[in-house]
Amino acid sequence: MSSLSLPPTLMPPRGYLAVIRIIDKFTEWTGHLFVLFIIPLIMSNVIEVFARYVLKDPTIWALDITTMSYAALFMLGSALALLKGAHVRTDMLWEAFSDRTKGMIDSIAFILFFLPTMAVLFFISIDDFIYAVSINERSASGAWAPILWPLRGVIPLTAFMLFLQGISELMKSIWAWRTGAFLTRHEKIEV
């Protein structure tokens, strides 16, 4: 990673960079922490394959563990994907725009669409999570009937993480709109 080196007139204020850096570091740290969901995903599959094909006695729980850990891994990793620029974008149109135009489009999109959507998703899903905890919601898909409220809790957490990272991306976009120079995801932002 290269350090950000803009002319002094294009450097954002220290506080502006500090907010971006703190959010990005938090997203990166939590994204790497959430990768641990791959352990139950792999273990449940290995145990199921061994039980099914070697012992000829399949489990009743492996599918649920696999599904839930993959769902949690996928959702909780989405904020890190936003930080790294891994979400889908129409590159054939995007690459033709200047950084200033990209910043303008992203700023408007984050303000009008992304952040409000994440806020609504958070408030709707937090109610569902609280209700699931209150009734100790369980899966009806099999004999094992695992509890579902931890997975329900992943949804508001994901919305919160995406909202937070969206603030950082909005700040980067506003800076690009204002100056024509992106504070890229690939550069280390020094404060």
C-alpha atoms as a PDB file:
ATOM      1  CA  MET A   1       0.000   0.000   0.000  1.00  0.00           C
ATOM      2  CA  SER A   2       1.308   3.398  -0.863  1.00  0.00           C
ATOM      3  CA  SER A   3       0.809   6.387   1.387  1.00  0.00           C
ATOM      4  CA  LEU A   4      -1.516   9.118   0.307  1.00  0.00           C
ATOM      5  CA  SER A   5       0.559  11.966  -1.134  1.00  0.00           C
ATOM      6  CA  LEU A   6      -1.505  14.869  -2.396  1.00  0.00           C
ATOM      7  CA  PRO A   7      -0.372  18.465  -2.753  1.00  0.00           C
ATOM      8  CA  PRO A   8      -0.976  20.416   0.494  1.00  0.00           C
ATOM      9  CA  THR A   9      -3.870  22.317  -1.119  1.00  0.00           C
ATOM     10  CA  LEU A  10      -5.659  19.024  -1.868  1.00  0.00           C
ATOM     11  CA  MET A  11      -5.039  17.385   1.522  1.00  0.00           C
ATOM     12  CA  PRO A  12      -8.178  16.960   3.590  1.00  0.00           C
ATOM     13  CA  PRO A  13      -8.221  18.299   7.147  1.00  0.00           C
ATOM     14  CA  ARG A  14      -6.732  15.938   9.751  1.00  0.00           C
ATOM     15  CA  GLY A  15     -10.123  15.324  11.406  1.00  0.00           C
ATOM     16  CA  TYR A  16     -11.681  14.367   8.070  1.00  0.00           C
ATOM     17  CA  LEU A  17      -8.949  11.816   7.415  1.00  0.00           C
ATOM     18  CA  ALA A  18      -9.116  10.576  11.010  1.00  0.00           C
ATOM     19  CA  VAL A  19     -12.812   9.726  10.701  1.00  0.00           C
ATOM     20  CA  ILE A  20     -12.237   7.881   7.420  1.00  0.00           C
ATOM     21  CA  ARG A  21      -9.237   6.030   8.840  1.00  0.00           C
ATOM     22  CA  ILE A  22     -11.060   4.978  12.026  1.00  0.00           C
ATOM     23  CA  ILE A  23     -14.088   3.659  10.132  1.00  0.00           C
ATOM     24  CA  ASP A  24     -11.927   1.859   7.553  1.00  0.00           C
ATOM     25  CA  LYS A  25      -9.754   0.246  10.253  1.00  0.00           C
ATOM     26  CA  PHE A  26     -12.854  -0.850  12.183  1.00  0.00           C
ATOM     27  CA  THR A  27     -14.374  -2.359   9.029  1.00  0.00           C
ATOM     28  CA  GLU A  28     -11.137  -4.130   8.170  1.00  0.00           C
ATOM     29  CA  TRP A  29     -10.679  -5.492  11.698  1.00  0.00           C
ATOM     30  CA  THR A  30     -14.273  -6.740  12.015  1.00  0.00           C
ATOM     31  CA  GLY A  31     -14.196  -8.158   8.489  1.00  0.00           C
ATOM     32  CA  HIS A  32     -11.184 -10.266   9.384  1.00  0.00           C
ATOM     33  CA  LEU A  33     -12.838 -11.292  12.660  1.00  0.00           C
ATOM     34  CA  PHE A  34     -16.002 -12.398  10.851  1.00  0.00           C
ATOM     35  CA  VAL A  35     -13.934 -14.700   8.638  1.00  0.00           C
ATOM     36  CA  LEU A  36     -13.921 -17.045  11.641  1.00  0.00           C
ATOM     37  CA  PHE A  37     -17.430 -18.104  10.552  1.00  0.00           C
ATOM     38  CA  ILE A  38     -15.650 -20.194   7.952  1.00  0.00           C
ATOM     39  CA  ILE A  39     -14.572 -22.613  10.700  1.00  0.00           C
ATOM     40  CA  PRO A  40     -18.059 -23.968  11.519  1.00  0.00           C
ATOM     41  CA  LEU A  41     -18.859 -23.885   7.799  1.00  0.00           C
ATOM     42  CA  ILE A  42     -15.929 -26.154   6.944  1.00  0.00           C
ATOM     43  CA  MET A  43     -16.174 -28.332  10.051  1.00  0.00           C
ATOM     44  CA  SER A  44     -19.881 -29.066   9.602  1.00  0.00           C
ATOM     45  CA  ASN A  45     -19.302 -30.042   5.979  1.00  0.00           C
ATOM     46  CA  VAL A  46     -16.341 -32.286   6.825  1.00  0.00           C
ATOM     47  CA  ILE A  47     -18.277 -33.993   9.624  1.00  0.00           C
ATOM     48  CA  GLU A  48     -21.327 -34.444   7.399  1.00  0.00           C
ATOM     49  CA  VAL A  49     -19.300 -35.959   4.547  1.00  0.00           C
ATOM     50  CA  PHE A  50     -17.529 -38.328   6.953  1.00  0.00           C
ATOM     51  CA  ALA A  51     -20.794 -39.310   8.689  1.00  0.00           C
ATOM     52  CA  ARG A  52     -22.712 -39.750   5.457  1.00  0.00           C
ATOM     53  CA  TYR A  53     -20.172 -41.591   3.313  1.00  0.00           C
ATOM     54  CA  VAL A  54     -17.941 -43.387   5.816  1.00  0.00           C
ATOM     55  CA  LEU A  55     -20.304 -44.109   8.713  1.00  0.00           C
ATOM     56  CA  LYS A  56     -23.435 -44.264   6.507  1.00  0.00           C
ATOM     57  CA  ASP A  57     -25.236 -42.190   9.171  1.00  0.00           C
ATOM     58  CA  PRO A  58     -25.894 -38.590   8.024  1.00  0.00           C
ATOM     59  CA  THR A  59     -26.359 -35.827  10.581  1.00  0.00           C
ATOM     60  CA  ILE A  60     -29.535 -33.807  11.120  1.00  0.00           C
ATOM     61  CA  TRP A  61     -27.701 -30.593  11.980  1.00  0.00           C
ATOM     62  CA  ALA A  62     -24.922 -30.073   9.390  1.00  0.00           C
ATOM     63  CA  LEU A  63     -27.109 -28.437   6.746  1.00  0.00           C
ATOM     64  CA  ASP A  64     -28.415 -25.852   9.240  1.00  0.00           C
ATOM     65  CA  ILE A  65     -24.919 -25.059  10.551  1.00  0.00           C
ATOM     66  CA  THR A  66     -23.591 -24.757   6.998  1.00  0.00           C
ATOM     67  CA  THR A  67     -26.439 -22.501   5.893  1.00  0.00           C
ATOM     68  CA  MET A  68     -26.303 -20.255   8.959  1.00  0.00           C
ATOM     69  CA  SER A  69     -22.525 -19.865   9.036  1.00  0.00           C
ATOM     70  CA  TYR A  70     -22.401 -19.151   5.288  1.00  0.00           C
ATOM     71  CA  ALA A  71     -25.209 -16.591   5.602  1.00  0.00           C
ATOM     72  CA  ALA A  72     -23.440 -14.882   8.508  1.00  0.00           C
ATOM     73  CA  LEU A  73     -20.091 -14.939   6.690  1.00  0.00           C
ATOM     74  CA  PHE A  74     -21.629 -13.521   3.509  1.00  0.00           C
ATOM     75  CA  MET A  75     -23.632 -10.757   5.217  1.00  0.00           C
ATOM     76  CA  LEU A  76     -21.029  -9.671   7.753  1.00  0.00           C
ATOM     77  CA  GLY A  77     -18.332  -9.579   5.069  1.00  0.00           C
ATOM     78  CA  SER A  78     -20.279  -7.106   2.934  1.00  0.00           C
ATOM     79  CA  ALA A  79     -18.914  -4.011   4.711  1.00  0.00           C
ATOM     80  CA  LEU A  80     -15.351  -5.194   4.050  1.00  0.00           C
ATOM     81  CA  ALA A  81     -16.317  -5.797   0.416  1.00  0.00           C
ATOM     82  CA  LEU A  82     -17.584  -2.185   0.246  1.00  0.00           C
ATOM     83  CA  LEU A  83     -14.295  -0.939   1.703  1.00  0.00           C
ATOM     84  CA  LYS A  84     -12.275  -2.938  -0.813  1.00  0.00           C
ATOM     85  CA  GLY A  85     -14.446  -1.852  -3.770  1.00  0.00           C
ATOM     86  CA  ALA A  86     -15.599  -5.410  -4.445  1.00  0.00           C
ATOM     87  CA  HIS A  87     -19.295  -4.669  -4.983  1.00  0.00           C
ATOM     88  CA  VAL A  88     -20.745  -4.743  -8.487  1.00  0.00           C
ATOM     89  CA  ARG A  89     -20.416  -1.602 -10.583  1.00  0.00           C
ATOM     90  CA  THR A  90     -21.002  -0.940 -14.276  1.00  0.00           C
ATOM     91  CA  ASP A  91     -17.322  -0.462 -15.150  1.00  0.00           C
ATOM     92  CA  MET A  92     -17.821   0.085 -18.881  1.00  0.00           C
ATOM     93  CA  LEU A  93     -19.566   3.373 -18.072  1.00  0.00           C
ATOM     94  CA  TRP A  94     -17.739   4.159 -14.840  1.00  0.00           C
ATOM     95  CA  GLU A  95     -14.189   4.151 -16.208  1.00  0.00           C
ATOM     96  CA  ALA A  96     -14.983   6.936 -18.687  1.00  0.00           C
ATOM     97  CA  PHE A  97     -15.846   9.403 -15.900  1.00  0.00           C
ATOM     98  CA  SER A  98     -13.391  11.734 -14.202  1.00  0.00           C
ATOM     99  CA  ASP A  99     -12.720  11.327 -10.479  1.00  0.00           C
ATOM    100  CA  ARG A 100     -14.778  14.471  -9.842  1.00  0.00           C
ATOM    101  CA  THR A 101     -17.781  13.004 -11.706  1.00  0.00           C
ATOM    102  CA  LYS A 102     -17.348   9.648  -9.966  1.00  0.00           C
ATOM    103  CA  GLY A 103     -17.286  11.476  -6.631  1.00  0.00           C
ATOM    104  CA  MET A 104     -20.445  13.393  -7.510  1.00  0.00           C
ATOM    105  CA  ILE A 105     -22.324  10.254  -8.612  1.00  0.00           C
ATOM    106  CA  ASP A 106     -21.191   8.258  -5.574  1.00  0.00           C
ATOM    107  CA  SER A 107     -21.998  11.101  -3.155  1.00  0.00           C
ATOM    108  CA  ILE A 108     -25.521  11.460  -4.475  1.00  0.00           C
ATOM    109  CA  ALA A 109     -26.044   7.684  -4.544  1.00  0.00           C
ATOM    110  CA  PHE A 110     -24.824   7.252  -0.969  1.00  0.00           C
ATOM    111  CA  ILE A 111     -26.999  10.111   0.317  1.00  0.00           C
ATOM    112  CA  LEU A 112     -30.178   9.278  -1.613  1.00  0.00           C
ATOM    113  CA  PHE A 113     -30.095   5.492  -1.823  1.00  0.00           C
ATOM    114  CA  PHE A 114     -27.457   3.629   0.157  1.00  0.00           C
ATOM    115  CA  LEU A 115     -27.527   5.258   3.605  1.00  0.00           C
ATOM    116  CA  PRO A 116     -31.343   5.549   3.807  1.00  0.00           C
ATOM    117  CA  THR A 117     -31.714   1.911   2.717  1.00  0.00           C
ATOM    118  CA  MET A 118     -29.265   0.721   5.371  1.00  0.00           C
ATOM    119  CA  ALA A 119     -31.045   2.821   8.038  1.00  0.00           C
ATOM    120  CA  VAL A 120     -34.447   1.369   7.110  1.00  0.00           C
ATOM    121  CA  LEU A 121     -33.017  -2.170   6.975  1.00  0.00           C
ATOM    122  CA  PHE A 122     -31.480  -1.668  10.412  1.00  0.00           C
ATOM    123  CA  PHE A 123     -34.682  -0.441  12.058  1.00  0.00           C
ATOM    124  CA  ILE A 124     -36.870  -3.112  10.470  1.00  0.00           C
ATOM    125  CA  SER A 125     -34.464  -5.942  11.221  1.00  0.00           C
ATOM    126  CA  ILE A 126     -33.749  -4.879  14.819  1.00  0.00           C
ATOM    127  CA  ASP A 127     -37.464  -5.287  15.571  1.00  0.00           C
ATOM    128  CA  ASP A 128     -37.424  -8.747  13.966  1.00  0.00           C
ATOM    129  CA  PHE A 129     -34.341  -9.664  15.993  1.00  0.00           C
ATOM    130  CA  ILE A 130     -35.887  -8.511  19.296  1.00  0.00           C
ATOM    131  CA  TYR A 131     -39.070 -10.437  18.522  1.00  0.00           C
ATOM    132  CA  ALA A 132     -37.085 -13.572  17.596  1.00  0.00           C
ATOM    133  CA  VAL A 133     -35.239 -13.392  20.927  1.00  0.00           C
ATOM    134  CA  SER A 134     -38.476 -12.862  22.869  1.00  0.00           C
ATOM    135  CA  ILE A 135     -40.075 -16.026  21.435  1.00  0.00           C
ATOM    136  CA  ASN A 136     -36.805 -17.988  21.238  1.00  0.00           C
ATOM    137  CA  GLU A 137     -37.490 -18.522  17.531  1.00  0.00           C
ATOM    138  CA  ARG A 138     -36.435 -21.880  16.142  1.00  0.00           C
ATOM    139  CA  SER A 139     -36.123 -23.300  12.663  1.00  0.00           C
ATOM    140  CA  ALA A 140     -38.998 -25.465  11.477  1.00  0.00           C
ATOM    141  CA  SER A 141     -37.002 -27.007   8.636  1.00  0.00           C
ATOM    142  CA  GLY A 142     -35.874 -30.171  10.383  1.00  0.00           C
ATOM    143  CA  ALA A 143     -35.860 -32.350  13.462  1.00  0.00           C
ATOM    144  CA  TRP A 144     -32.960 -30.484  15.067  1.00  0.00           C
ATOM    145  CA  ALA A 145     -34.848 -27.125  15.216  1.00  0.00           C
ATOM    146  CA  PRO A 146     -31.894 -24.799  15.991  1.00  0.00           C
ATOM    147  CA  ILE A 147     -32.478 -21.329  17.426  1.00  0.00           C
ATOM    148  CA  LEU A 148     -32.678 -18.604  14.791  1.00  0.00           C
ATOM    149  CA  TRP A 149     -32.298 -15.378  16.748  1.00  0.00           C
ATOM    150  CA  PRO A 150     -28.471 -15.270  16.415  1.00  0.00           C
ATOM    151  CA  LEU A 151     -28.851 -15.334  12.637  1.00  0.00           C
ATOM    152  CA  ARG A 152     -31.632 -12.730  12.878  1.00  0.00           C
ATOM    153  CA  GLY A 153     -29.158 -10.576  14.824  1.00  0.00           C
ATOM    154  CA  VAL A 154     -26.698 -10.703  11.949  1.00  0.00           C
ATOM    155  CA  ILE A 155     -29.066  -8.670   9.743  1.00  0.00           C
ATOM    156  CA  PRO A 156     -29.158  -5.439  11.831  1.00  0.00           C
ATOM    157  CA  LEU A 157     -25.440  -5.824  12.558  1.00  0.00           C
ATOM    158  CA  THR A 158     -24.781  -6.046   8.818  1.00  0.00           C
ATOM    159  CA  ALA A 159     -26.945  -2.986   8.133  1.00  0.00           C
ATOM    160  CA  PHE A 160     -25.081  -1.055  10.850  1.00  0.00           C
ATOM    161  CA  MET A 161     -21.675  -2.098   9.497  1.00  0.00           C
ATOM    162  CA  LEU A 162     -22.667  -1.159   5.939  1.00  0.00           C
ATOM    163  CA  PHE A 163     -24.073   2.186   7.119  1.00  0.00           C
ATOM    164  CA  LEU A 164     -20.853   2.963   8.964  1.00  0.00           C
ATOM    165  CA  GLN A 165     -18.655   2.034   6.004  1.00  0.00           C
ATOM    166  CA  GLY A 166     -21.049   3.982   3.771  1.00  0.00           C
ATOM    167  CA  ILE A 167     -20.237   7.119   5.805  1.00  0.00           C
ATOM    168  CA  SER A 168     -16.537   6.600   5.069  1.00  0.00           C
ATOM    169  CA  GLU A 169     -17.217   6.006   1.371  1.00  0.00           C
ATOM    170  CA  LEU A 170     -19.460   9.089   1.268  1.00  0.00           C
ATOM    171  CA  MET A 171     -16.684  11.190   2.799  1.00  0.00           C
ATOM    172  CA  LYS A 172     -14.209   9.885   0.198  1.00  0.00           C
ATOM    173  CA  SER A 173     -16.714  10.616  -2.582  1.00  0.00           C
ATOM    174  CA  ILE A 174     -17.417  14.142  -1.351  1.00  0.00           C
ATOM    175  CA  TRP A 175     -13.684  14.797  -1.281  1.00  0.00           C
ATOM    176  CA  ALA A 176     -13.315  13.532  -4.869  1.00  0.00           C
ATOM    177  CA  TRP A 177     -16.275  15.656  -5.982  1.00  0.00           C
ATOM    178  CA  ARG A 178     -14.758  18.708  -4.354  1.00  0.00           C
ATOM    179  CA  THR A 179     -11.138  18.257  -5.452  1.00  0.00           C
ATOM    180  CA  GLY A 180     -11.153  15.808  -8.350  1.00  0.00           C
ATOM    181  CA  ALA A 181      -8.780  13.534  -6.387  1.00  0.00           C
ATOM    182  CA  PHE A 182     -10.067  10.309  -4.843  1.00  0.00           C
ATOM    183  CA  LEU A 183      -8.880   9.157  -1.455  1.00  0.00           C
ATOM    184  CA  THR A 184      -8.638   5.658  -2.853  1.00  0.00           C
ATOM    185  CA  ARG A 185      -9.330   2.426  -1.056  1.00  0.00           C
ATOM    186  CA  HIS A 186      -5.908   1.153  -2.067  1.00  0.00           C
ATOM    187  CA  GLU A 187      -3.835   3.851  -0.462  1.00  0.00           C
ATOM    188  CA  LYS A 188      -2.931   4.027   3.191  1.00  0.00           C
ATOM    189  CA  ILE A 189      -4.438   7.186   4.642  1.00  0.00           C
ATOM    190  CA  GLU A 190      -2.010   8.754   7.073  1.00  0.00           C
ATOM    191  CA  VAL A 191      -3.222  11.191   9.725  1.00  0.00           C
END
